[in-house]
């Protein structure tokens, strides 16, 4: 399975942060909580900015479940969400940088 852009960097940064936490615990040295929180916040933002849904070749439409936010690929609107069973699905605009999971 191919990683999405930005995922490898985020994993590397998380691994390095985990290692710093382990070393700080083993050595009894202090590690500033705000520094850790800041780094985790930056990683979270980087992951949120990456494109999470990739369009299928051929332009097949995407449908977003109003209840749980699941995106489904289908040529016609599904009768219900495959994930939660809800019946309100709306066209998902994959050109937007962030696809919302709720009404909006």
Foldseek 3Di string as FASTA:
>chain_A
DDDFPLPVVLVVLVVVLVVVVVVCVVVVHDDDPVVSVVSVVVSVVSVQQGQDDDDDPPRFWWKADQPFGDIDGDNDQDCADPPPGHRDIDTWDSVDRGTDNHDD
